Structure formats: C-alpha cells, structure tokens
Amino acid sequence: MKPLETKLAVSHLVDEKVPLFLWGPPGIGKSSIVRQIAGEKGIGFIDLRLSLLDPTDLRGIPFFDQRARKAVWAPPAFLPDGSEPEGILFLDELNTAAPMVQASAYQLILDRRIGEYTLPEGWAIVAAGNRESDRGVVYRMPAPLANRFVHLEMESDPGQWRRWALSQGIDASIVGFLSARPDALFLFDAKSSHRSFATPRSWEYVDKVIQSTPEAELLMPLIAGAIGEELAAEFLSWRAAASELPDLDAILRGEDAVVPENPNALHVLASMIVRRIDRESPKEVLESLLAYLMKLPPEFSVMVVKELQHEGVLLEKCENFKVWIRKFAHLLA
C-alpha cells in the first residue's frame, strides 16, 4: 500500500479505534505517517517502544494500600492518563519486543486495559514493525496477538515522495536526481552487509547534510554515511553535472533564458520550478513560465505542467496555455 493510501486507511481506523499493525521495511516513514495523522487531527500522540520495557513495566508496579489493606498496581506514567481526551498510543517496533513483553500487551490491545489501568475511551492503538525479511532483530508475532490487529503493509512510492519533497523544500538536486532515478529512493537489500542504504528517511538526511553546507572534502563521506558510497558518488557526479542552470527569476520575469542540454540539469530545473510556483503565483508569472516551458524538451515540459496542475495551479486561465496545449496535446493522451 502506498504512503497516501496507507495514511488514509490508518486515519479511518484511528477514528473507529480499531487496533492496527503497520508493516514495512525500515526508513519508509511508518512512524512519520502516524505522527502526522495525530497532528492533523489535533489529538495526543505517545510513542512507546515496548522493546525497551520489561514485562512488568507495562502492567505497573504493585504497592500496598494501607487504607484498603490490599496490594494494588500503580499504572506506568508513560501511558495516557486522560489529560488529553483523544490520541494515538503508538507501539513502534512492537515485534522487536521480547515475547513476554508482547504477551503483556495482549490485554491492553484487545481489552484496552491492563491490570488496574484502562486506556481512555478516545485513544486509539496503532503498532508498527519491520518484516522478518528486513534483517532486523524481530520476534515472530504470536498468532493470538496478530489476530488482535488489522494488518497493513506499506511500501515507498517515488511519485508521492516527490510531491511531498517539493512541498517540504527538499533540495532540488535530490528531487531532480530521484526523478531521474526513481529506483534509488529505496535500495534495501536484506542480504547486504552494508550499514548505509537509501530510504526515504536517509534521503532526508542527505538534504540536512546539504543544508549544513559542509566543507567540500566532507560532503562525500557524509552523504555516503546516509545512502552508501556507490549511490553517493553517483548522486554527487549527477549534481555537479546539473549545477549550471538558467536564472529561474529571469525565466519568471519573461526574460530570454537558455535551455539546458544536460538531462540532469533539466530534472533539477523542473524540480525548482514546481517548488517555486504555487496557487498564489501571479498570472503574468505563469504566462512567462509557459512561454519558457514551450522551449523545453516535450517530456520535461509535460512533467512540469502535470505537477503544477496536481498542486492546483490554474494554468488553464493563461493565454499561453492554449498555445502550449496545441504544441504538446499529442503527449497528453
């Protein structure tokens, strides 16, 4: 299931308080999606790693109540206490927890209570974990626990990641490179012994490395530490070839600007345009942009227009759009 569809499905199940387990390889954004849902709904969010707990930690610690003359259980402070009426209790990496800890979660997940503790009515439970084939330290989930969840499997999607990256201001060279090499968004081989590999999460790290403006001699080892040496070398070579770009401001002012011949540069330029233009861009800017797009190779021109339309930019109201349509209509079928 792709990220946007996964997010929509999780959101529905959170509303209905149906326990959900989200499966997927490392680094594709499982926890980020759940956190985003909580933020968009304006509800609480608690990230609980059961792998860090002992079986007794979840149930709480017993103490003697002198007034009642009996032993009672003090619930742990890390569980929702009702101060926030609604929220998501996120059990990340649940299947990395020891079997006894997983067993202690049975009652909490199904009955929404454990020992003396009861989960507040407005809170939903979402769990996540890597698959057994992902080279992680995981324990096979017992059938009684697995049957307490609705299971969804998430996968990465280069097109959806590109649109997200543009909205978040990810460096244009990264977006451009992954537009040219969509397979490089996620390169995880469970049989490989390499410690660094490309995932959506590690590409975010590459963006942070670039934004930190390290010394030239540090750029390669830092990026290699995020996505691996071979891919880092390819990305930096590609980035260097795409470094000579026309002045985007001049393009948007309607001034004459050269069209790059290097496909790498065209990918970066397309990413820069889509990140720069939005629904509030003046009509005269859009007219200038369309005039320039008609000079680009057809596949790049169509890609930019489709991306802008997906973002709600009303190019159709421009006079130059009619000319653009006549020129590239045969590619839109």
Protein backbone atom coordinates (compact mmCIF):
# COMPACT_ATOMS: atom_id res chain seq x y z
CA MET A 1 0.00 0.00 0.00
CA LYS A 2 1.42 3.40 -1.00
CA PRO A 3 2.02 6.10 1.66
CA LEU A 4 -1.02 8.30 0.88
CA GLU A 5 -3.38 5.33 0.78
CA THR A 6 -1.82 4.00 3.97
CA LYS A 7 -2.30 7.34 5.69
CA LEU A 8 -5.96 7.46 4.67
CA ALA A 9 -6.58 3.88 5.84
CA VAL A 10 -4.85 4.47 9.19
CA SER A 11 -6.84 7.66 9.72
CA HIS A 12 -10.13 5.80 9.25
CA LEU A 13 -9.18 3.02 11.67
CA VAL A 14 -7.96 5.53 14.26
CA ASP A 15 -11.39 7.18 14.16
CA GLU A 16 -13.05 3.81 14.80
CA LYS A 17 -10.49 2.82 17.49
CA VAL A 18 -9.63 -0.39 15.61
CA PRO A 19 -6.18 -1.77 16.59
CA LEU A 20 -3.86 -1.57 13.59
CA PHE A 21 -0.43 -3.00 12.77
CA LEU A 22 1.57 -1.21 10.10
CA TRP A 23 4.23 -3.37 8.42
CA GLY A 24 7.06 -2.17 6.19
CA PRO A 25 10.80 -2.07 5.62
CA PRO A 26 12.99 0.35 7.60
CA GLY A 27 13.09 4.04 6.76
CA ILE A 28 9.93 4.40 4.64
CA GLY A 29 8.07 6.65 7.08
CA LYS A 30 5.72 4.42 9.09
CA SER A 31 6.11 6.37 12.33
CA SER A 32 6.05 9.71 10.47
CA ILE A 33 2.65 8.93 8.95
CA VAL A 34 1.11 8.06 12.33
CA ARG A 35 2.59 11.19 13.91
CA GLN A 36 1.24 13.33 11.03
CA ILE A 37 -2.24 11.89 11.49
CA ALA A 38 -2.23 12.82 15.18
CA GLY A 39 -1.01 16.32 14.36
CA GLU A 40 -3.62 16.88 11.65
CA LYS A 41 -6.42 15.66 13.91
CA GLY A 42 -5.15 17.79 16.78
CA ILE A 43 -5.02 14.85 19.19
CA GLY A 44 -2.41 13.45 21.56
CA PHE A 45 0.41 11.19 20.48
CA ILE A 46 2.55 8.87 22.61
CA ASP A 47 5.38 6.87 21.02
CA LEU A 48 6.00 3.80 23.18
CA ARG A 49 8.85 1.38 22.41
CA LEU A 50 7.95 -1.94 24.03
CA SER A 51 11.40 -3.29 23.14
CA LEU A 52 12.78 -1.08 25.92
CA LEU A 53 10.41 -2.44 28.57
CA ASP A 54 10.30 -5.45 30.85
CA PRO A 55 7.06 -7.44 31.03
CA THR A 56 6.20 -5.91 34.40
CA ASP A 57 6.76 -2.33 33.20
CA LEU A 58 3.56 -2.27 31.15
CA ARG A 59 1.36 -3.63 33.93
CA GLY A 60 2.82 -1.29 36.53
CA ILE A 61 4.38 -1.75 39.96
CA PRO A 62 2.42 -3.26 42.88
CA PHE A 63 2.29 -1.45 46.21
CA PHE A 64 0.40 -1.99 49.46
CA ASP A 65 -2.60 0.29 50.01
CA GLN A 66 -2.76 0.61 53.80
CA ARG A 67 -6.25 2.13 53.75
CA ALA A 68 -7.73 -0.64 51.62
CA ARG A 69 -5.48 -3.26 53.19
CA LYS A 70 -4.61 -4.82 49.86
CA ALA A 71 -1.99 -4.75 47.12
CA VAL A 72 -2.81 -2.55 44.11
CA TRP A 73 -0.99 -1.82 40.87
CA ALA A 74 0.36 1.66 40.12
CA PRO A 75 -0.05 2.21 36.36
CA PRO A 76 3.06 3.44 34.50
CA ALA A 77 3.31 7.17 33.85
CA PHE A 78 4.07 6.68 30.15
CA LEU A 79 0.52 5.51 29.34
CA PRO A 80 -2.24 8.06 28.55
CA ASP A 81 -3.69 9.42 31.79
CA GLY A 82 -6.81 11.06 30.37
CA SER A 83 -5.43 14.61 30.47
CA GLU A 84 -5.83 14.55 26.69
CA PRO A 85 -9.25 13.12 25.80
CA GLU A 86 -8.19 11.78 22.40
CA GLY A 87 -4.95 10.48 20.97
CA ILE A 88 -2.91 7.69 19.43
CA LEU A 89 -0.87 5.27 21.51
CA PHE A 90 1.81 4.22 19.02
CA LEU A 91 3.59 0.95 19.77
CA ASP A 92 6.54 1.27 17.41
CA GLU A 93 8.76 -1.74 16.69
CA LEU A 94 6.35 -3.94 18.62
CA ASN A 95 7.70 -7.16 17.14
CA THR A 96 11.22 -6.36 18.35
CA ALA A 97 9.99 -6.65 21.94
CA ALA A 98 10.68 -9.90 23.77
CA PRO A 99 7.84 -12.45 23.60
CA MET A 100 6.97 -11.94 27.27
CA VAL A 101 6.59 -8.18 26.68
CA GLN A 102 4.41 -8.82 23.64
CA ALA A 103 2.30 -11.15 25.74
CA SER A 104 1.84 -8.45 28.37
CA ALA A 105 0.41 -6.21 25.63
CA TYR A 106 -2.38 -8.66 24.72
CA GLN A 107 -4.89 -7.31 27.20
CA LEU A 108 -4.07 -3.65 26.54
CA ILE A 109 -4.52 -4.06 22.79
CA LEU A 110 -7.72 -6.11 22.78
CA ASP A 111 -9.47 -5.10 26.01
CA ARG A 112 -7.94 -1.60 26.22
CA ARG A 113 -6.93 -2.27 29.80
CA ILE A 114 -4.18 -3.98 31.74
CA GLY A 115 -4.12 -4.56 35.47
CA GLU A 116 -5.63 -1.54 37.20
CA TYR A 117 -5.19 0.66 34.14
CA THR A 118 -7.83 1.45 31.49
CA LEU A 119 -6.97 3.21 28.23
CA PRO A 120 -9.05 6.42 27.88
CA GLU A 121 -12.01 5.95 25.55
CA GLY A 122 -10.82 8.49 22.97
CA TRP A 123 -7.43 6.86 22.42
CA ALA A 124 -6.59 4.52 19.54
CA ILE A 125 -3.80 1.94 19.39
CA VAL A 126 -1.52 1.73 16.35
CA ALA A 127 1.51 -0.56 16.20
CA ALA A 128 4.29 -0.82 13.62
CA GLY A 129 7.23 -3.02 12.87
CA ASN A 130 9.66 -4.32 10.28
CA ARG A 131 9.05 -7.58 8.49
CA GLU A 132 11.01 -10.71 9.39
CA SER A 133 12.71 -10.48 5.98
CA ASP A 134 14.12 -6.99 6.70
CA ARG A 135 17.27 -8.13 8.52
CA GLY A 136 16.07 -6.57 11.77
CA VAL A 137 16.02 -8.18 15.20
CA VAL A 138 12.39 -9.27 15.35
CA TYR A 139 10.41 -11.96 17.10
CA ARG A 140 7.70 -13.87 15.32
CA MET A 141 4.39 -12.41 16.47
CA PRO A 142 2.27 -15.00 18.26
CA ALA A 143 -1.00 -15.79 16.48
CA PRO A 144 -3.19 -14.62 19.40
CA LEU A 145 -1.51 -11.19 19.30
CA ALA A 146 -1.53 -10.96 15.49
CA ASN A 147 -5.26 -11.69 15.46
CA ARG A 148 -5.85 -8.61 17.59
CA PHE A 149 -4.83 -6.26 14.74
CA VAL A 150 -5.87 -5.20 11.28
CA HIS A 151 -2.64 -5.59 9.27
CA LEU A 152 -1.50 -3.16 6.56
CA GLU A 153 1.76 -3.33 4.61
CA MET A 154 3.31 -0.07 3.45
CA GLU A 155 5.70 0.47 0.54
CA SER A 156 7.52 3.50 -0.82
CA ASP A 157 6.30 5.38 -3.91
CA PRO A 158 8.66 7.72 -5.82
CA GLY A 159 5.87 9.87 -7.29
CA GLN A 160 4.22 10.53 -3.93
CA TRP A 161 7.60 11.11 -2.30
CA ARG A 162 8.49 13.67 -5.00
CA ARG A 163 5.35 15.70 -4.34
CA TRP A 164 5.97 15.55 -0.59
CA ALA A 165 9.61 16.55 -1.03
CA LEU A 166 8.66 19.56 -3.17
CA SER A 167 6.16 20.70 -0.55
CA GLN A 168 8.80 20.38 2.20
CA GLY A 169 11.55 22.25 0.35
CA ILE A 170 13.87 19.26 -0.04
CA ASP A 171 16.95 20.30 -2.03
CA ALA A 172 16.14 20.50 -5.75
CA SER A 173 19.15 18.39 -6.70
CA ILE A 174 17.82 15.50 -4.57
CA VAL A 175 14.33 15.78 -6.04
CA GLY A 176 15.75 16.03 -9.53
CA PHE A 177 18.07 13.05 -9.07
CA LEU A 178 15.25 10.85 -7.75
CA SER A 179 13.01 11.98 -10.61
CA ALA A 180 15.67 10.66 -12.98
CA ARG A 181 16.41 7.62 -10.81
CA PRO A 182 13.14 6.74 -9.01
CA ASP A 183 14.52 3.29 -8.15
CA ALA A 184 17.15 4.99 -5.96
CA LEU A 185 14.55 6.20 -3.46
CA PHE A 186 14.60 2.82 -1.72
CA LEU A 187 17.55 0.48 -2.19
CA PHE A 188 17.43 -2.01 0.66
CA ASP A 189 18.89 -5.48 0.28
CA ALA A 190 18.31 -7.69 3.29
CA LYS A 191 21.24 -9.88 2.19
CA SER A 192 23.71 -6.99 2.04
CA SER A 193 26.09 -6.25 4.91
CA HIS A 194 26.26 -2.52 4.13
CA ARG A 195 25.27 -0.33 7.05
CA SER A 196 24.09 2.62 4.93
CA PHE A 197 21.43 2.33 2.24
CA ALA A 198 18.90 4.56 0.53
CA THR A 199 15.44 5.00 2.04
CA PRO A 200 13.08 7.98 2.14
CA ARG A 201 14.40 8.67 5.64
CA SER A 202 18.07 8.58 4.62
CA TRP A 203 17.41 10.92 1.67
CA GLU A 204 16.02 13.40 4.22
CA TYR A 205 19.37 13.07 5.99
CA VAL A 206 21.14 13.87 2.70
CA ASP A 207 19.04 17.05 2.48
CA LYS A 208 20.12 18.02 6.00
CA VAL A 209 23.75 17.34 5.10
CA ILE A 210 23.50 19.66 2.08
CA GLN A 211 21.71 22.35 4.10
CA SER A 212 24.52 22.28 6.67
CA THR A 213 26.96 23.43 3.90
CA PRO A 214 29.88 21.21 4.96
CA GLU A 215 33.37 21.65 3.61
CA ALA A 216 33.85 20.13 0.15
CA GLU A 217 36.01 17.29 1.42
CA LEU A 218 33.32 16.26 3.94
CA LEU A 219 30.40 16.15 1.51
CA MET A 220 31.15 12.70 0.07
CA PRO A 221 31.74 10.84 3.38
CA LEU A 222 28.70 12.48 4.99
CA ILE A 223 26.34 11.59 2.15
CA ALA A 224 27.89 8.11 1.84
CA GLY A 225 27.17 7.64 5.51
CA ALA A 226 23.48 8.14 4.76
CA ILE A 227 22.91 6.30 1.46
CA GLY A 228 26.08 4.28 0.81
CA GLU A 229 29.28 5.06 -1.10
CA GLU A 230 28.26 3.90 -4.56
CA LEU A 231 24.99 5.82 -4.67
CA ALA A 232 26.59 8.88 -3.02
CA ALA A 233 29.24 9.00 -5.76
CA GLU A 234 26.56 8.74 -8.44
CA PHE A 235 24.43 11.45 -6.83
CA LEU A 236 27.32 13.91 -6.42
CA SER A 237 28.50 13.35 -10.00
CA TRP A 238 24.95 13.93 -11.21
CA ARG A 239 24.63 17.03 -9.01
CA ALA A 240 27.85 18.50 -10.39
CA ALA A 241 26.70 17.96 -13.98
CA ALA A 242 23.39 19.64 -13.22
CA SER A 243 24.90 22.65 -11.46
CA GLU A 244 24.80 25.04 -14.43
CA LEU A 245 21.20 26.17 -14.57
CA PRO A 246 19.44 29.21 -16.07
CA ASP A 247 18.31 32.00 -13.75
CA LEU A 248 14.84 30.99 -12.59
CA ASP A 249 13.93 34.56 -11.63
CA ALA A 250 14.79 35.70 -15.15
CA ILE A 251 12.57 32.97 -16.59
CA LEU A 252 9.64 34.07 -14.42
CA ARG A 253 10.19 37.71 -15.43
CA GLY A 254 9.82 36.68 -19.08
CA GLU A 255 13.44 37.36 -19.97
CA ASP A 256 15.26 35.22 -22.51
CA ALA A 257 16.90 32.24 -20.83
CA VAL A 258 18.87 29.31 -22.16
CA VAL A 259 17.52 25.76 -22.09
CA PRO A 260 19.94 23.25 -20.52
CA GLU A 261 21.03 20.45 -22.80
CA ASN A 262 22.05 18.16 -19.95
CA PRO A 263 19.08 15.95 -18.87
CA ASN A 264 20.36 16.07 -15.28
CA ALA A 265 20.13 19.86 -15.29
CA LEU A 266 16.62 19.66 -16.78
CA HIS A 267 15.47 17.40 -13.93
CA VAL A 268 16.82 19.84 -11.33
CA LEU A 269 15.28 22.81 -13.15
CA ALA A 270 11.88 21.07 -13.28
CA SER A 271 12.05 20.45 -9.52
CA MET A 272 12.98 24.09 -8.86
CA ILE A 273 10.04 25.35 -10.93
CA VAL A 274 7.48 23.11 -9.22
CA ARG A 275 8.78 24.11 -5.80
CA ARG A 276 8.69 27.83 -6.68
CA ILE A 277 5.25 28.11 -8.34
CA ASP A 278 2.06 27.82 -6.31
CA ARG A 279 -1.62 28.79 -6.48
CA GLU A 280 -0.80 32.36 -5.47
CA SER A 281 1.67 32.96 -8.32
CA PRO A 282 0.57 35.98 -10.45
CA LYS A 283 -0.87 35.31 -13.88
CA GLU A 284 1.95 37.20 -15.61
CA VAL A 285 4.47 34.89 -13.95
CA LEU A 286 2.55 31.85 -15.19
CA GLU A 287 2.42 33.31 -18.71
CA SER A 288 6.21 33.77 -18.68
CA LEU A 289 6.73 30.28 -17.33
CA LEU A 290 4.54 28.69 -20.01
CA ALA A 291 6.41 30.58 -22.71
CA TYR A 292 9.67 29.12 -21.40
CA LEU A 293 8.23 25.62 -20.96
CA MET A 294 7.41 25.53 -24.66
CA LYS A 295 11.18 25.66 -25.31
CA LEU A 296 11.90 22.59 -23.16
CA PRO A 297 12.05 19.02 -24.46
CA PRO A 298 8.44 17.73 -24.56
CA GLU A 299 8.75 15.16 -21.76
CA PHE A 300 10.10 17.74 -19.30
CA SER A 301 7.56 20.38 -20.27
CA VAL A 302 4.65 17.97 -19.80
CA MET A 303 6.08 16.72 -16.49
CA VAL A 304 6.25 20.26 -15.06
CA VAL A 305 2.73 21.19 -16.21
CA LYS A 306 1.24 18.00 -14.78
CA GLU A 307 2.99 18.55 -11.43
CA LEU A 308 1.74 22.15 -11.24
CA GLN A 309 -1.81 21.10 -12.11
CA HIS A 310 -1.65 18.44 -9.39
CA GLU A 311 -0.77 21.21 -6.93
CA GLY A 312 -3.81 23.23 -8.03
CA VAL A 313 -2.03 25.88 -10.11
CA LEU A 314 -4.59 27.20 -12.63
CA LEU A 315 -2.52 27.28 -15.78
CA GLU A 316 -5.65 26.84 -17.87
CA LYS A 317 -6.56 30.51 -17.38
CA CYS A 318 -3.41 31.67 -19.16
CA GLU A 319 -3.34 32.62 -22.84
CA ASN A 320 -0.06 30.78 -23.32
CA PHE A 321 -1.65 27.59 -22.05
CA LYS A 322 -3.74 27.39 -25.23
CA VAL A 323 -0.55 27.57 -27.27
CA TRP A 324 1.13 25.02 -25.02
CA ILE A 325 -1.80 22.61 -25.43
CA ARG A 326 -1.65 22.84 -29.21
CA LYS A 327 2.09 22.04 -29.12
CA PHE A 328 2.01 19.15 -26.66
CA ALA A 329 -1.54 17.78 -26.93
CA HIS A 330 -0.28 14.59 -28.59
CA LEU A 331 1.62 13.71 -25.40
CA LEU A 332 -1.36 14.11 -23.09
CA ALA A 333 -3.48 11.26 -24.44
